[in-house]
Amino acid sequence: MIEYVQSALLIIAAILIIISAIGLISLGKNTRNIVYARIHIVGIFDIACILAMIAIGQYLLAAIYFILAPFIAHAVANAYWKKEDRENNLDLQNVEVEVDENHPFIHPKEKMQVLESENSEKLKADERFSVTTLEIDEDE
């Protein structure tokens, strides 16, 4: 009886792998957010592999894979978003942000450059860093 359950799990895993492989191949290169779509489809591979490991009796390995696979997929998606996803990540787009002149914490880049150039002789600061100060008014 156990052999039948193991065989059924392996057949289900094989079917899931075939379906997800067809889905992965059918994605075009011009698809929007292709990396995220591929990571989503690979999740089906993960479940199929977990079922296959359970079928062959590798319960500990299946549990470890079940725990680690989402973390790895998230790390890949996060790394792509932070470094290469110019379509969705506004930090990677060269978008000008409006800055309110009266905002106490955010200042225009030009104003900061003027302040830094005035203090550059005093501080001899490295150009990679910008130093700002915060004035606290205790009366407020």
Protein backbone atom coordinates (compact mmCIF):
# COMPACT_ATOMS: atom_id res chain seq x y z
CA MET A 1 0.00 0.00 0.00
CA ILE A 2 2.83 2.44 0.83
CA GLU A 3 4.37 1.76 -2.57
CA TYR A 4 1.16 2.93 -4.26
CA VAL A 5 1.13 6.17 -2.27
CA GLN A 6 4.79 6.76 -3.11
CA SER A 7 4.12 6.06 -6.78
CA ALA A 8 1.13 8.41 -6.81
CA LEU A 9 3.20 11.19 -5.21
CA LEU A 10 5.96 10.73 -7.76
CA ILE A 11 3.44 10.82 -10.63
CA ILE A 12 1.86 14.00 -9.22
CA ALA A 13 5.33 15.55 -8.87
CA ALA A 14 6.19 14.62 -12.45
CA ILE A 15 2.95 16.13 -13.76
CA LEU A 16 3.58 19.36 -11.80
CA ILE A 17 7.11 19.58 -13.18
CA ILE A 18 5.89 19.10 -16.76
CA ILE A 19 3.14 21.74 -16.36
CA SER A 20 5.48 24.27 -14.79
CA ALA A 21 8.18 23.58 -17.40
CA ILE A 22 5.69 24.32 -20.17
CA GLY A 23 4.68 27.52 -18.38
CA LEU A 24 8.30 28.56 -17.89
CA ILE A 25 9.17 27.95 -21.54
CA SER A 26 6.06 29.71 -22.83
CA LEU A 27 6.94 33.01 -21.13
CA GLY A 28 8.18 35.49 -23.69
CA LYS A 29 11.21 37.66 -23.11
CA ASN A 30 9.09 40.78 -23.54
CA THR A 31 6.76 39.82 -20.72
CA ARG A 32 6.47 42.51 -18.10
CA ASN A 33 8.17 41.58 -14.79
CA ILE A 34 9.59 38.39 -16.29
CA VAL A 35 11.85 37.61 -13.34
CA TYR A 36 8.98 37.67 -10.88
CA ALA A 37 6.83 35.52 -13.17
CA ARG A 38 9.62 32.96 -13.45
CA ILE A 39 10.12 32.89 -9.69
CA HIS A 40 6.39 32.34 -9.29
CA ILE A 41 6.42 29.39 -11.69
CA VAL A 42 9.50 27.90 -10.04
CA GLY A 43 7.42 27.70 -6.85
CA ILE A 44 5.53 24.85 -8.52
CA PHE A 45 8.85 23.09 -9.10
CA ASP A 46 9.56 23.49 -5.39
CA ILE A 47 6.29 21.84 -4.37
CA ALA A 48 6.87 19.02 -6.87
CA CYS A 49 10.34 18.40 -5.46
CA ILE A 50 8.97 18.38 -1.92
CA LEU A 51 6.35 15.81 -2.94
CA ALA A 52 9.02 13.70 -4.63
CA MET A 53 11.24 13.81 -1.55
CA ILE A 54 8.33 12.77 0.65
CA ALA A 55 7.57 9.92 -1.77
CA ILE A 56 11.10 8.54 -1.55
CA GLY A 57 11.15 8.86 2.24
CA GLN A 58 13.43 11.89 2.65
CA TYR A 59 11.19 13.71 5.14
CA LEU A 60 13.89 15.82 6.79
CA LEU A 61 15.26 16.96 3.44
CA ALA A 62 11.71 17.81 2.28
CA ALA A 63 11.10 19.85 5.45
CA ILE A 64 14.38 21.75 5.04
CA TYR A 65 13.61 22.43 1.38
CA PHE A 66 10.07 23.50 2.30
CA ILE A 67 11.48 26.06 4.76
CA LEU A 68 14.41 27.35 2.69
CA ALA A 69 12.85 27.60 -0.80
CA PRO A 70 10.65 30.65 -0.04
CA PHE A 71 13.59 32.47 1.56
CA ILE A 72 15.76 31.83 -1.47
CA ALA A 73 13.03 32.96 -3.90
CA HIS A 74 12.50 36.12 -1.87
CA ALA A 75 16.26 36.83 -1.82
CA VAL A 76 16.48 36.49 -5.60
CA ALA A 77 13.44 38.74 -6.16
CA ASN A 78 14.71 41.31 -3.66
CA ALA A 79 18.18 41.40 -5.20
CA TYR A 80 16.71 41.86 -8.67
CA TRP A 81 14.38 44.60 -7.48
CA LYS A 82 17.14 46.54 -5.72
CA LYS A 83 19.77 46.28 -8.44
CA GLU A 84 18.17 45.79 -11.86
CA ASP A 85 14.42 46.39 -11.85
CA ARG A 86 14.31 49.87 -13.39
CA GLU A 87 10.65 49.45 -14.36
CA ASN A 88 9.27 49.14 -10.82
CA ASN A 89 11.98 50.53 -8.52
CA LEU A 90 11.72 54.31 -8.39
CA ASP A 91 15.16 54.57 -6.78
CA LEU A 92 16.74 53.22 -9.98
CA GLN A 93 14.76 55.53 -12.22
CA ASN A 94 16.13 59.00 -12.71
CA VAL A 95 13.00 60.64 -11.38
CA GLU A 96 13.14 64.13 -9.99
CA VAL A 97 11.41 64.37 -6.64
CA GLU A 98 9.76 67.59 -5.58
CA VAL A 99 11.26 68.97 -2.40
CA ASP A 100 9.44 71.43 -0.20
CA GLU A 101 11.69 74.35 0.76
CA ASN A 102 10.16 74.48 4.24
CA HIS A 103 10.55 70.80 5.03
CA PRO A 104 12.78 70.45 8.11
CA PHE A 105 14.53 67.24 7.04
CA ILE A 106 14.55 67.08 3.24
CA HIS A 107 16.53 69.73 1.37
CA PRO A 108 17.10 70.28 -2.35
CA LYS A 109 20.32 68.85 -3.72
CA GLU A 110 21.49 72.26 -4.93
CA LYS A 111 21.10 73.75 -1.45
CA MET A 112 23.10 70.90 0.07
CA GLN A 113 25.85 71.32 -2.51
CA VAL A 114 26.11 75.04 -1.70
CA LEU A 115 26.29 74.31 2.01
CA GLU A 116 28.90 71.62 1.48
CA SER A 117 31.01 73.86 -0.73
CA GLU A 118 30.95 76.58 1.95
CA ASN A 119 32.11 74.14 4.60
CA SER A 120 34.47 72.12 2.41
CA GLU A 121 37.55 74.15 3.33
CA LYS A 122 36.85 73.73 7.03
CA LEU A 123 35.99 70.05 6.98
CA LYS A 124 38.07 68.68 4.09
CA ALA A 125 35.26 66.15 3.66
CA ASP A 126 35.38 63.29 1.26
CA GLU A 127 33.12 63.90 -1.78
CA ARG A 128 31.36 60.58 -1.32
CA PHE A 129 29.76 61.66 1.94
CA SER A 130 27.44 64.48 2.75
CA VAL A 131 27.30 65.89 6.25
CA THR A 132 24.18 67.60 7.50
CA THR A 133 23.26 69.02 10.84
CA LEU A 134 19.94 69.21 12.58
CA GLU A 135 18.98 72.29 14.52
CA ILE A 136 16.60 71.57 17.37
CA ASP A 137 14.44 74.36 18.66
CA GLU A 138 13.52 73.54 22.26
CA ASP A 139 10.71 76.07 22.35
CA GLU A 140 8.47 73.98 20.10
